Amino acid sequence: MDVRLLGALEATEGGSSLLPTAGKPRQVFGLLAVHPGQLVPVTALIEELWGDDPPRSAQSTLQTYVLHLRKLLGAALSGGPEAAKRVLATRYNGYLLDVPAETVDALTFERRSSRGRLAMEVGDWPQAARELSGALELWRGRALADVPIGSRLSVEVTRLEQSRLSVLEDRIESDLALGRHQALLGELAALTARHPLHERLCAQYMLALYRSGQQWRALEAFAVLRRVLVDELGVEPSPRLRELQRAVLDSSRELEGGLAPLLAAPAA
């Protein structure tokens, strides 16, 4: 069974969908799928489905949703109903989705991202770019785009989307290290417009512009970010970004060589 979370929710076997169209059963499957192989307590599932005001019938209704999911799984899996019970398993006070990690796109995304970051650490930029690009290609839209989102899934979707943006930044950093600054200009222009408070993206855009012979536009990008930060948050850009601005003003040789240390993500 293949499970896809990075876009519309999908669970397929031999190309056939295993999921219902109804929202709440998809919500149940979605919450189990973001924690494959892990017990998800009944209380967490009820909170996801009904928030702080569940109906008296919440537990029995949840069981009905699970039975419906198992019926669909049993009709498609070669082992029938017994296989469905193993895949969507009941455990003490909860349920778990027992599928191999390699069949879940979100876990494949995490593995490829980790390999890409390891390559970055040793300066293997071609390998880093390949792995990070491959990880990003798994995305087909917003995570769980067609699933109703409660409090629990909201946290998971936010986590996945933040991870996606972080991996995208690392892939851009790898491309900059490989001298692909001109090819990045359009993508970075769109990203900085979409994330106007994001300093690392602005720094990457500034470096790509500078290396493309557009020093004035690099300074303009800094000015736009500063204006937004001051107007919306009442703060100045970070010392790291101001240092990059000074380097651009001074036409520093540091910006022409290897990847500028100023672009590195801050330590956790």
Protein backbone atom coordinates (compact mmCIF):
# COMPACT_ATOMS: atom_id res chain seq x y z
CA MET A 1 0.00 0.00 0.00
CA ASP A 2 1.26 3.45 -0.93
CA VAL A 3 0.35 6.37 1.33
CA ARG A 4 0.74 9.95 0.14
CA LEU A 5 0.35 12.92 2.48
CA LEU A 6 2.29 15.61 0.62
CA GLY A 7 -0.67 16.96 -1.32
CA ALA A 8 -4.12 15.40 -1.46
CA LEU A 9 -4.39 12.38 0.84
CA GLU A 10 -4.01 9.11 -1.04
CA ALA A 11 -3.80 5.47 -0.06
CA THR A 12 -3.61 3.09 -3.00
CA GLU A 13 -3.06 -0.57 -3.67
CA GLY A 14 -2.29 -1.59 -7.24
CA GLY A 15 -3.36 1.86 -8.41
CA SER A 16 -6.80 1.66 -6.77
CA SER A 17 -7.84 4.08 -4.03
CA LEU A 18 -8.50 2.62 -0.58
CA LEU A 19 -10.03 5.72 0.99
CA PRO A 20 -13.59 7.00 1.26
CA THR A 21 -14.63 10.44 0.11
CA ALA A 22 -16.28 11.37 3.43
CA GLY A 23 -14.32 13.90 5.42
CA LYS A 24 -14.15 12.45 8.94
CA PRO A 25 -12.97 8.94 7.98
CA ARG A 26 -10.27 10.64 5.88
CA GLN A 27 -9.38 12.72 8.93
CA VAL A 28 -8.95 9.54 10.98
CA PHE A 29 -6.76 7.95 8.32
CA GLY A 30 -4.76 11.15 7.91
CA LEU A 31 -3.89 11.38 11.60
CA LEU A 32 -2.88 7.71 11.67
CA ALA A 33 -0.85 8.14 8.48
CA VAL A 34 1.25 11.02 9.79
CA HIS A 35 2.31 8.66 12.62
CA PRO A 36 2.81 5.35 10.77
CA GLY A 37 3.69 2.48 13.07
CA GLN A 38 2.82 4.53 16.15
CA LEU A 39 -0.13 4.22 18.48
CA VAL A 40 -2.57 7.12 18.16
CA PRO A 41 -4.78 7.23 21.27
CA VAL A 42 -8.56 7.29 20.96
CA THR A 43 -8.52 10.58 22.89
CA ALA A 44 -6.28 12.18 20.25
CA LEU A 45 -8.53 11.00 17.42
CA ILE A 46 -11.65 12.29 19.18
CA GLU A 47 -9.97 15.65 19.79
CA GLU A 48 -9.03 15.85 16.11
CA LEU A 49 -12.55 15.05 14.96
CA TRP A 50 -14.60 17.12 17.40
CA GLY A 51 -12.28 19.43 19.29
CA ASP A 52 -13.21 20.26 22.89
CA ASP A 53 -16.90 19.43 22.46
CA PRO A 54 -17.24 15.80 21.32
CA PRO A 55 -20.68 14.18 21.22
CA ARG A 56 -21.57 11.47 23.71
CA SER A 57 -21.39 8.97 20.88
CA ALA A 58 -17.84 10.02 19.91
CA GLN A 59 -16.14 6.73 20.75
CA SER A 60 -18.72 4.55 19.00
CA THR A 61 -18.77 6.88 15.99
CA LEU A 62 -14.97 6.67 15.80
CA GLN A 63 -15.24 2.87 15.82
CA THR A 64 -17.69 3.10 12.92
CA TYR A 65 -15.19 5.18 10.94
CA VAL A 66 -12.44 2.64 11.64
CA LEU A 67 -14.69 -0.25 10.55
CA HIS A 68 -15.52 1.63 7.34
CA LEU A 69 -11.84 2.16 6.61
CA ARG A 70 -11.09 -1.49 7.29
CA LYS A 71 -13.88 -2.58 4.95
CA LEU A 72 -12.31 -0.58 2.12
CA LEU A 73 -8.84 -1.87 2.95
CA GLY A 74 -10.07 -5.46 3.14
CA ALA A 75 -11.71 -5.22 -0.28
CA ALA A 76 -8.43 -4.15 -1.89
CA LEU A 77 -5.70 -5.98 0.05
CA SER A 78 -4.83 -9.53 -0.94
CA GLY A 79 -5.30 -10.78 2.62
CA GLY A 80 -8.86 -9.49 2.85
CA PRO A 81 -10.40 -8.47 6.19
CA GLU A 82 -7.61 -10.07 8.24
CA ALA A 83 -5.00 -8.05 6.37
CA ALA A 84 -7.07 -4.92 6.94
CA LYS A 85 -7.06 -5.59 10.71
CA ARG A 86 -3.28 -5.95 10.65
CA VAL A 87 -2.77 -2.76 8.63
CA LEU A 88 -5.24 -0.65 10.62
CA ALA A 89 -4.60 -2.28 13.96
CA THR A 90 -6.36 -1.89 17.28
CA ARG A 91 -4.11 -1.45 20.27
CA TYR A 92 -4.85 -0.68 23.91
CA ASN A 93 -6.93 2.50 23.88
CA GLY A 94 -5.91 3.45 20.35
CA TYR A 95 -5.14 2.52 16.76
CA LEU A 96 -2.09 2.44 14.53
CA LEU A 97 -1.41 2.26 10.82
CA ASP A 98 1.07 -0.57 10.32
CA VAL A 99 2.72 0.09 6.96
CA PRO A 100 6.40 0.05 5.92
CA ALA A 101 8.10 3.44 6.24
CA GLU A 102 9.19 3.39 2.59
CA THR A 103 5.56 3.38 1.45
CA VAL A 104 4.77 6.78 3.07
CA ASP A 105 5.87 9.78 1.00
CA ALA A 106 6.36 12.03 4.05
CA LEU A 107 8.92 9.60 5.48
CA THR A 108 10.68 9.29 2.13
CA PHE A 109 10.82 13.10 2.07
CA GLU A 110 12.49 13.10 5.49
CA ARG A 111 15.03 10.44 4.49
CA ARG A 112 16.06 12.21 1.28
CA SER A 113 16.22 15.54 3.08
CA SER A 114 18.53 14.05 5.71
CA ARG A 115 20.81 12.60 3.03
CA GLY A 116 20.91 15.96 1.29
CA ARG A 117 21.86 17.78 4.47
CA LEU A 118 24.59 15.27 5.22
CA ALA A 119 25.98 15.95 1.74
CA MET A 120 25.87 19.69 2.46
CA GLU A 121 27.88 19.19 5.65
CA VAL A 122 30.75 17.62 3.71
CA GLY A 123 30.52 20.07 0.81
CA ASP A 124 29.20 17.57 -1.73
CA TRP A 125 26.95 20.14 -3.38
CA PRO A 126 25.92 18.11 -6.47
CA GLN A 127 24.74 15.24 -4.26
CA ALA A 128 23.04 17.67 -1.89
CA ALA A 129 21.16 19.33 -4.74
CA ARG A 130 20.05 15.95 -6.15
CA GLU A 131 18.76 14.62 -2.84
CA LEU A 132 17.03 17.83 -1.78
CA SER A 133 15.44 18.28 -5.22
CA GLY A 134 14.24 14.67 -5.11
CA ALA A 135 12.71 15.24 -1.69
CA LEU A 136 10.85 18.34 -2.88
CA GLU A 137 9.56 16.59 -5.99
CA LEU A 138 7.46 14.35 -3.74
CA TRP A 139 5.21 17.31 -2.94
CA ARG A 140 2.03 17.70 -5.00
CA GLY A 141 0.51 20.65 -3.11
CA ARG A 142 -0.24 21.59 0.49
CA ALA A 143 0.03 18.64 2.86
CA LEU A 144 -3.30 16.83 3.32
CA ALA A 145 -4.90 19.39 1.04
CA ASP A 146 -8.29 17.64 0.78
CA VAL A 147 -8.68 16.56 4.41
CA PRO A 148 -10.64 18.44 7.09
CA ILE A 149 -8.08 19.71 9.59
CA GLY A 150 -8.58 19.65 13.34
CA SER A 151 -6.22 20.67 16.13
CA ARG A 152 -3.96 17.62 15.89
CA LEU A 153 -3.60 17.57 12.12
CA SER A 154 -3.10 21.34 12.08
CA VAL A 155 0.11 20.87 14.06
CA GLU A 156 1.29 18.12 11.71
CA VAL A 157 0.50 20.08 8.55
CA THR A 158 2.37 23.10 9.94
CA ARG A 159 5.36 20.87 10.77
CA LEU A 160 5.42 19.37 7.28
CA GLU A 161 5.06 22.73 5.54
CA GLN A 162 7.83 24.29 7.64
CA SER A 163 10.06 21.33 6.86
CA ARG A 164 9.29 21.75 3.17
CA LEU A 165 10.34 25.41 3.26
CA SER A 166 13.53 24.60 5.16
CA VAL A 167 14.49 21.91 2.63
CA LEU A 168 13.72 24.34 -0.19
CA GLU A 169 16.12 26.86 1.34
CA ASP A 170 18.81 24.18 1.62
CA ARG A 171 18.29 23.19 -2.02
CA ILE A 172 18.66 26.84 -3.06
CA GLU A 173 21.83 27.09 -0.98
CA SER A 174 23.20 24.03 -2.78
CA ASP A 175 22.32 25.52 -6.16
CA LEU A 176 24.04 28.78 -5.23
CA ALA A 177 27.14 26.84 -4.26
CA LEU A 178 27.05 25.27 -7.73
CA GLY A 179 26.94 28.67 -9.43
CA ARG A 180 23.30 28.49 -10.54
CA HIS A 181 22.51 32.02 -9.35
CA GLN A 182 20.93 33.27 -12.57
CA ALA A 183 18.62 30.27 -12.84
CA LEU A 184 17.39 30.96 -9.31
CA LEU A 185 16.35 34.59 -9.80
CA GLY A 186 12.75 33.98 -10.83
CA GLU A 187 12.14 31.38 -8.12
CA LEU A 188 13.65 33.58 -5.42
CA ALA A 189 11.68 36.63 -6.57
CA ALA A 190 8.46 34.65 -6.11
CA LEU A 191 9.53 33.15 -2.78
CA THR A 192 10.55 36.47 -1.23
CA ALA A 193 7.24 37.97 -2.33
CA ARG A 194 5.39 35.05 -0.75
CA HIS A 195 7.48 35.16 2.46
CA PRO A 196 8.26 38.87 2.91
CA LEU A 197 9.59 38.46 6.49
CA HIS A 198 11.91 35.55 5.72
CA GLU A 199 15.52 36.66 6.13
CA ARG A 200 17.28 33.59 4.78
CA LEU A 201 15.34 33.70 1.52
CA CYS A 202 16.10 37.40 1.24
CA ALA A 203 19.80 36.72 1.81
CA GLN A 204 19.79 34.06 -0.90
CA TYR A 205 18.01 36.41 -3.29
CA MET A 206 20.51 39.17 -2.55
CA LEU A 207 23.44 36.88 -3.27
CA ALA A 208 21.88 35.55 -6.49
CA LEU A 209 21.22 39.12 -7.67
CA TYR A 210 24.69 40.30 -6.78
CA ARG A 211 26.35 37.40 -8.58
CA SER A 212 24.16 38.12 -11.60
CA GLY A 213 25.55 41.65 -11.82
CA GLN A 214 22.51 43.32 -10.22
CA GLN A 215 24.05 44.93 -7.15
CA TRP A 216 21.40 47.66 -6.94
CA ARG A 217 18.58 45.10 -6.95
CA ALA A 218 20.30 43.16 -4.17
CA LEU A 219 20.32 46.34 -2.07
CA GLU A 220 16.71 47.00 -3.02
CA ALA A 221 15.73 43.51 -1.80
CA PHE A 222 17.34 44.30 1.55
CA ALA A 223 15.51 47.65 1.73
CA VAL A 224 12.15 45.98 1.04
CA LEU A 225 12.69 43.39 3.77
CA ARG A 226 13.81 46.05 6.25
CA ARG A 227 10.76 48.17 5.54
CA VAL A 228 8.40 45.24 6.10
CA LEU A 229 10.15 44.20 9.32
CA VAL A 230 10.06 47.73 10.73
CA ASP A 231 6.47 48.43 9.66
CA GLU A 232 4.96 45.11 10.74
CA LEU A 233 7.12 44.00 13.67
CA GLY A 234 9.03 47.09 14.75
CA VAL A 235 12.41 45.32 14.44
CA GLU A 236 15.52 45.73 12.30
CA PRO A 237 17.02 42.97 10.13
CA SER A 238 19.37 40.60 11.91
CA PRO A 239 23.10 41.40 12.25
CA ARG A 240 23.81 38.62 9.75
CA LEU A 241 21.65 40.20 7.07
CA ARG A 242 23.02 43.68 7.76
CA GLU A 243 26.52 42.23 7.34
CA LEU A 244 25.48 40.84 3.96
CA GLN A 245 24.16 44.28 2.98
CA ARG A 246 27.53 45.82 3.87
CA ALA A 247 29.32 43.15 1.84
CA VAL A 248 27.13 43.97 -1.17
CA LEU A 249 27.76 47.71 -0.73
CA ASP A 250 31.51 47.06 -0.54
CA SER A 251 31.48 44.58 -3.45
CA SER A 252 33.22 42.16 -1.12
CA ARG A 253 35.25 39.39 -2.73
CA GLU A 254 33.66 37.00 -0.24
CA LEU A 255 30.45 37.15 -2.27
CA GLU A 256 32.16 35.99 -5.47
CA GLY A 257 33.80 32.88 -4.09
CA GLY A 258 32.27 29.89 -2.39
CA LEU A 259 28.95 30.00 -0.65
CA ALA A 260 28.77 32.99 1.69
CA PRO A 261 28.73 31.92 5.35
CA LEU A 262 26.12 34.61 5.85
CA LEU A 263 23.54 32.39 4.17
CA ALA A 264 23.91 29.49 6.56
CA ALA A 265 20.85 28.74 8.65
CA PRO A 266 21.20 29.89 12.28
CA ALA A 267 22.16 27.25 14.77
CA ALA A 268 19.26 25.57 16.56
